[in-house]
């Protein structure tokens, strides 16, 4: 495992946890966007949420 500059092996988990937070937030926002698209059945009636929602997040802190 490569260390982040200035970090120890024990301290290198913090940036990974931060990245996990970012990915979780992006997934949450994507799911919210898909739900909004489903509510606006303007031109096409596509179920975006059921077809594009990512699988459950398996990585946790």
PDB file of N, CA and C in Angstrom:
ATOM      1  N   UNK A   1       0.848  -1.175   0.000  1.00  0.00           N
ATOM      2  CA  UNK A   1       0.000   0.000   0.000  1.00  0.00           C
ATOM      3  C   UNK A   1       0.891   1.234   0.000  1.00  0.00           C
ATOM      4  N   UNK A   2       0.655   2.110  -0.909  1.00  0.00           N
ATOM      5  CA  UNK A   2       1.431   3.351  -0.984  1.00  0.00           C
ATOM      6  C   UNK A   2       0.908   4.338   0.049  1.00  0.00           C
ATOM      7  N   UNK A   3       1.827   5.014   0.672  1.00  0.00           N
ATOM      8  CA  UNK A   3       1.450   6.009   1.672  1.00  0.00           C
ATOM      9  C   UNK A   3       1.273   7.369   1.024  1.00  0.00           C
ATOM     10  N   UNK A   4       0.349   8.126   1.548  1.00  0.00           N
ATOM     11  CA  UNK A   4       0.163   9.493   1.100  1.00  0.00           C
ATOM     12  C   UNK A   4       1.246  10.333   1.753  1.00  0.00           C
ATOM     13  N   UNK A   5       1.800  11.259   1.013  1.00  0.00           N
ATOM     14  CA  UNK A   5       2.909  12.075   1.498  1.00  0.00           C
ATOM     15  C   UNK A   5       2.613  12.659   2.873  1.00  0.00           C
ATOM     16  N   UNK A   6       3.522  12.409   3.812  1.00  0.00           N
ATOM     17  CA  UNK A   6       3.370  12.952   5.152  1.00  0.00           C
ATOM     18  C   UNK A   6       2.452  12.150   6.051  1.00  0.00           C
ATOM     19  N   UNK A   7       1.950  11.025   5.574  1.00  0.00           N
ATOM     20  CA  UNK A   7       1.029  10.227   6.376  1.00  0.00           C
ATOM     21  C   UNK A   7       1.710   8.948   6.837  1.00  0.00           C
ATOM     22  N   UNK A   8       1.266   8.462   7.962  1.00  0.00           N
ATOM     23  CA  UNK A   8       1.740   7.171   8.445  1.00  0.00           C
ATOM     24  C   UNK A   8       0.761   6.104   7.980  1.00  0.00           C
ATOM     25  N   UNK A   9       1.124   4.854   8.152  1.00  0.00           N
ATOM     26  CA  UNK A   9       0.225   3.776   7.734  1.00  0.00           C
ATOM     27  C   UNK A   9      -1.115   3.882   8.453  1.00  0.00           C
ATOM     28  N   UNK A  10      -1.086   4.213   9.737  1.00  0.00           N
ATOM     29  CA  UNK A  10      -2.326   4.339  10.503  1.00  0.00           C
ATOM     30  C   UNK A  10      -3.116   5.570  10.079  1.00  0.00           C
ATOM     31  N   UNK A  11      -2.421   6.650   9.723  1.00  0.00           N
ATOM     32  CA  UNK A  11      -3.092   7.890   9.353  1.00  0.00           C
ATOM     33  C   UNK A  11      -3.563   7.935   7.919  1.00  0.00           C
ATOM     34  N   UNK A  12      -3.164   6.961   7.108  1.00  0.00           N
ATOM     35  CA  UNK A  12      -3.555   6.998   5.701  1.00  0.00           C
ATOM     36  C   UNK A  12      -4.997   6.559   5.492  1.00  0.00           C
ATOM     37  N   UNK A  13      -5.656   6.078   6.528  1.00  0.00           N
ATOM     38  CA  UNK A  13      -7.056   5.689   6.408  1.00  0.00           C
ATOM     39  C   UNK A  13      -7.968   6.907   6.320  1.00  0.00           C
ATOM     40  N   UNK A  14      -7.563   8.028   6.886  1.00  0.00           N
ATOM     41  CA  UNK A  14      -8.406   9.231   6.889  1.00  0.00           C
ATOM     42  C   UNK A  14      -8.732   9.716   5.478  1.00  0.00           C
ATOM     43  N   UNK A  15      -7.752   9.806   4.566  1.00  0.00           N
ATOM     44  CA  UNK A  15      -8.106  10.226   3.205  1.00  0.00           C
ATOM     45  C   UNK A  15      -9.034   9.230   2.506  1.00  0.00           C
ATOM     46  N   UNK A  16      -8.868   7.951   2.784  1.00  0.00           N
ATOM     47  CA  UNK A  16      -9.751   6.952   2.179  1.00  0.00           C
ATOM     48  C   UNK A  16     -11.173   7.099   2.702  1.00  0.00           C
ATOM     49  N   UNK A  17     -11.306   7.393   3.989  1.00  0.00           N
ATOM     50  CA  UNK A  17     -12.635   7.619   4.553  1.00  0.00           C
ATOM     51  C   UNK A  17     -13.267   8.864   3.945  1.00  0.00           C
ATOM     52  N   UNK A  18     -12.451   9.875   3.702  1.00  0.00           N
ATOM     53  CA  UNK A  18     -12.944  11.093   3.068  1.00  0.00           C
ATOM     54  C   UNK A  18     -13.421  10.806   1.645  1.00  0.00           C
ATOM     55  N   UNK A  19     -12.669  10.007   0.920  1.00  0.00           N
ATOM     56  CA  UNK A  19     -13.083   9.624  -0.435  1.00  0.00           C
ATOM     57  C   UNK A  19     -14.381   8.828  -0.408  1.00  0.00           C
ATOM     58  N   UNK A  20     -14.521   7.951   0.566  1.00  0.00           N
ATOM     59  CA  UNK A  20     -15.754   7.179   0.700  1.00  0.00           C
ATOM     60  C   UNK A  20     -16.935   8.105   0.961  1.00  0.00           C
ATOM     61  N   UNK A  21     -16.734   9.132   1.787  1.00  0.00           N
ATOM     62  CA  UNK A  21     -17.789  10.126   2.022  1.00  0.00           C
ATOM     63  C   UNK A  21     -18.182  10.812   0.721  1.00  0.00           C
ATOM     64  N   UNK A  22     -17.181  11.183  -0.087  1.00  0.00           N
ATOM     65  CA  UNK A  22     -17.452  11.849  -1.363  1.00  0.00           C
ATOM     66  C   UNK A  22     -18.231  10.943  -2.309  1.00  0.00           C
ATOM     67  N   UNK A  23     -17.829   9.699  -2.405  1.00  0.00           N
ATOM     68  CA  UNK A  23     -18.515   8.749  -3.289  1.00  0.00           C
ATOM     69  C   UNK A  23     -19.944   8.524  -2.809  1.00  0.00           C
ATOM     70  N   UNK A  24     -20.120   8.402  -1.508  1.00  0.00           N
ATOM     71  CA  UNK A  24     -21.457   8.211  -0.952  1.00  0.00           C
ATOM     72  C   UNK A  24     -22.346   9.406  -1.270  1.00  0.00           C
ATOM     73  N   UNK A  25     -21.808  10.618  -1.142  1.00  0.00           N
ATOM     74  CA  UNK A  25     -22.582  11.826  -1.451  1.00  0.00           C
ATOM     75  C   UNK A  25     -22.946  11.882  -2.933  1.00  0.00           C
ATOM     76  N   UNK A  26     -22.001  11.544  -3.801  1.00  0.00           N
ATOM     77  CA  UNK A  26     -22.283  11.533  -5.239  1.00  0.00           C
ATOM     78  C   UNK A  26     -23.372  10.520  -5.577  1.00  0.00           C
ATOM     79  N   UNK A  27     -23.323   9.353  -4.967  1.00  0.00           N
ATOM     80  CA  UNK A  27     -24.349   8.331  -5.197  1.00  0.00           C
ATOM     81  C   UNK A  27     -25.713   8.825  -4.723  1.00  0.00           C
ATOM     82  N   UNK A  28     -25.737   9.485  -3.564  1.00  0.00           N
ATOM     83  CA  UNK A  28     -26.989  10.007  -3.025  1.00  0.00           C
ATOM     84  C   UNK A  28     -27.586  11.049  -3.966  1.00  0.00           C
ATOM     85  N   UNK A  29     -26.733  11.936  -4.469  1.00  0.00           N
ATOM     86  CA  UNK A  29     -27.201  12.973  -5.388  1.00  0.00           C
ATOM     87  C   UNK A  29     -27.681  12.371  -6.711  1.00  0.00           C
ATOM     88  N   UNK A  30     -27.001  11.342  -7.203  1.00  0.00           N
ATOM     89  CA  UNK A  30     -27.417  10.678  -8.442  1.00  0.00           C
ATOM     90  C   UNK A  30     -28.783  10.035  -8.268  1.00  0.00           C
ATOM     91  N   UNK A  31     -28.985   9.362  -7.156  1.00  0.00           N
ATOM     92  CA  UNK A  31     -30.273   8.717  -6.905  1.00  0.00           C
ATOM     93  C   UNK A  31     -31.381   9.760  -6.800  1.00  0.00           C
ATOM     94  N   UNK A  32     -31.096  10.899  -6.167  1.00  0.00           N
ATOM     95  CA  UNK A  32     -32.085  11.980  -6.073  1.00  0.00           C
ATOM     96  C   UNK A  32     -32.403  12.546  -7.454  1.00  0.00           C
ATOM     97  N   UNK A  33     -31.378  12.705  -8.290  1.00  0.00           N
ATOM     98  CA  UNK A  33     -31.590  13.206  -9.650  1.00  0.00           C
ATOM     99  C   UNK A  33     -32.447  12.240 -10.456  1.00  0.00           C
ATOM    100  N   UNK A  34     -32.187  10.957 -10.333  1.00  0.00           N
ATOM    101  CA  UNK A  34     -32.980   9.967 -11.057  1.00  0.00           C
ATOM    102  C   UNK A  34     -34.433   9.993 -10.602  1.00  0.00           C
ATOM    103  N   UNK A  35     -34.660  10.179  -9.315  1.00  0.00           N
ATOM    104  CA  UNK A  35     -36.029  10.271  -8.807  1.00  0.00           C
ATOM    105  C   UNK A  35     -36.734  11.496  -9.382  1.00  0.00           C
ATOM    106  N   UNK A  36     -36.018  12.623  -9.486  1.00  0.00           N
ATOM    107  CA  UNK A  36     -36.614  13.831 -10.069  1.00  0.00           C
ATOM    108  C   UNK A  36     -36.931  13.631 -11.545  1.00  0.00           C
ATOM    109  N   UNK A  37     -36.051  12.951 -12.259  1.00  0.00           N
ATOM    110  CA  UNK A  37     -36.319  12.675 -13.669  1.00  0.00           C
ATOM    111  C   UNK A  37     -37.561  11.803 -13.831  1.00  0.00           C
ATOM    112  N   UNK A  38     -37.753  10.857 -12.925  1.00  0.00           N
ATOM    113  CA  UNK A  38     -38.931  10.001 -12.989  1.00  0.00           C
ATOM    114  C   UNK A  38     -40.209  10.795 -12.749  1.00  0.00           C
ATOM    115  N   UNK A  39     -40.141  11.817 -11.893  1.00  0.00           N
ATOM    116  CA  UNK A  39     -41.326  12.633 -11.626  1.00  0.00           C
ATOM    117  C   UNK A  39     -41.699  13.489 -12.828  1.00  0.00           C
ATOM    118  N   UNK A  40     -40.711  13.862 -13.630  1.00  0.00           N
ATOM    119  CA  UNK A  40     -40.954  14.670 -14.816  1.00  0.00           C
ATOM    120  C   UNK A  40     -41.046  13.741 -16.023  1.00  0.00           C
ATOM    121  N   UNK A  41     -42.228  13.225 -16.262  1.00  0.00           N
ATOM    122  CA  UNK A  41     -42.424  12.284 -17.364  1.00  0.00           C
ATOM    123  C   UNK A  41     -42.760  13.043 -18.641  1.00  0.00           C
ATOM    124  N   UNK A  42     -41.978  14.075 -18.948  1.00  0.00           N
ATOM    125  CA  UNK A  42     -42.221  14.927 -20.103  1.00  0.00           C
ATOM    126  C   UNK A  42     -42.266  14.187 -21.423  1.00  0.00           C
ATOM    127  N   UNK A  43     -41.164  14.144 -22.125  1.00  0.00           N
ATOM    128  CA  UNK A  43     -41.123  13.582 -23.474  1.00  0.00           C
ATOM    129  C   UNK A  43     -41.187  12.061 -23.462  1.00  0.00           C
ATOM    130  N   UNK A  44     -40.401  11.446 -22.630  1.00  0.00           N
ATOM    131  CA  UNK A  44     -40.397   9.983 -22.583  1.00  0.00           C
ATOM    132  C   UNK A  44     -40.811   9.518 -21.202  1.00  0.00           C
ATOM    133  N   UNK A  45     -41.375   8.356 -21.154  1.00  0.00           N
ATOM    134  CA  UNK A  45     -41.777   7.788 -19.871  1.00  0.00           C
ATOM    135  C   UNK A  45     -40.827   6.648 -19.531  1.00  0.00           C
ATOM    136  N   UNK A  46     -39.610   7.026 -19.153  1.00  0.00           N
ATOM    137  CA  UNK A  46     -38.582   6.050 -18.807  1.00  0.00           C
ATOM    138  C   UNK A  46     -38.444   6.004 -17.295  1.00  0.00           C
ATOM    139  N   UNK A  47     -38.325   4.816 -16.747  1.00  0.00           N
ATOM    140  CA  UNK A  47     -38.120   4.672 -15.308  1.00  0.00           C
ATOM    141  C   UNK A  47     -36.622   4.719 -15.028  1.00  0.00           C
ATOM    142  N   UNK A  48     -36.095   5.943 -14.923  1.00  0.00           N
ATOM    143  CA  UNK A  48     -34.657   6.132 -14.740  1.00  0.00           C
ATOM    144  C   UNK A  48     -34.156   5.510 -13.444  1.00  0.00           C
ATOM    145  N   UNK A  49     -34.951   5.663 -12.393  1.00  0.00           N
ATOM    146  CA  UNK A  49     -34.500   5.175 -11.093  1.00  0.00           C
ATOM    147  C   UNK A  49     -34.279   3.665 -11.105  1.00  0.00           C
ATOM    148  N   UNK A  50     -35.181   2.928 -11.728  1.00  0.00           N
ATOM    149  CA  UNK A  50     -35.026   1.470 -11.721  1.00  0.00           C
ATOM    150  C   UNK A  50     -33.953   0.991 -12.688  1.00  0.00           C
ATOM    151  N   UNK A  51     -33.673   1.767 -13.736  1.00  0.00           N
ATOM    152  CA  UNK A  51     -32.688   1.312 -14.719  1.00  0.00           C
ATOM    153  C   UNK A  51     -31.281   1.827 -14.466  1.00  0.00           C
ATOM    154  N   UNK A  52     -31.129   2.957 -13.770  1.00  0.00           N
ATOM    155  CA  UNK A  52     -29.808   3.558 -13.616  1.00  0.00           C
ATOM    156  C   UNK A  52     -29.299   3.658 -12.182  1.00  0.00           C
ATOM    157  N   UNK A  53     -30.116   3.319 -11.206  1.00  0.00           N
ATOM    158  CA  UNK A  53     -29.667   3.410  -9.817  1.00  0.00           C
ATOM    159  C   UNK A  53     -28.526   2.425  -9.583  1.00  0.00           C
ATOM    160  N   UNK A  54     -27.423   2.900  -8.995  1.00  0.00           N
ATOM    161  CA  UNK A  54     -26.290   2.000  -8.744  1.00  0.00           C
ATOM    162  C   UNK A  54     -26.632   0.951  -7.684  1.00  0.00           C
ATOM    163  N   UNK A  55     -25.891  -0.121  -7.705  1.00  0.00           N
ATOM    164  CA  UNK A  55     -26.071  -1.177  -6.706  1.00  0.00           C
ATOM    165  C   UNK A  55     -25.759  -0.628  -5.317  1.00  0.00           C
ATOM    166  N   UNK A  56     -26.204  -1.337  -4.321  1.00  0.00           N
ATOM    167  CA  UNK A  56     -25.970  -0.905  -2.944  1.00  0.00           C
ATOM    168  C   UNK A  56     -24.478  -0.774  -2.664  1.00  0.00           C
ATOM    169  N   UNK A  57     -24.144   0.253  -1.909  1.00  0.00           N
ATOM    170  CA  UNK A  57     -22.752   0.497  -1.536  1.00  0.00           C
ATOM    171  C   UNK A  57     -22.332  -0.537  -0.497  1.00  0.00           C
ATOM    172  N   UNK A  58     -21.268  -1.283  -0.788  1.00  0.00           N
ATOM    173  CA  UNK A  58     -20.827  -2.330   0.135  1.00  0.00           C
ATOM    174  C   UNK A  58     -19.679  -1.878   1.020  1.00  0.00           C
ATOM    175  N   UNK A  59     -18.997  -0.798   0.642  1.00  0.00           N
ATOM    176  CA  UNK A  59     -17.882  -0.299   1.435  1.00  0.00           C
ATOM    177  C   UNK A  59     -18.412   0.638   2.513  1.00  0.00           C
ATOM    178  N   UNK A  60     -18.027   0.387   3.741  1.00  0.00           N
ATOM    179  CA  UNK A  60     -18.447   1.247   4.842  1.00  0.00           C
ATOM    180  C   UNK A  60     -17.239   1.637   5.675  1.00  0.00           C
ATOM    181  N   UNK A  61     -17.451   2.626   6.517  1.00  0.00           N
ATOM    182  CA  UNK A  61     -16.352   3.082   7.386  1.00  0.00           C
ATOM    183  C   UNK A  61     -16.242   2.202   8.597  1.00  0.00           C
TER     184      UNK A  61
END
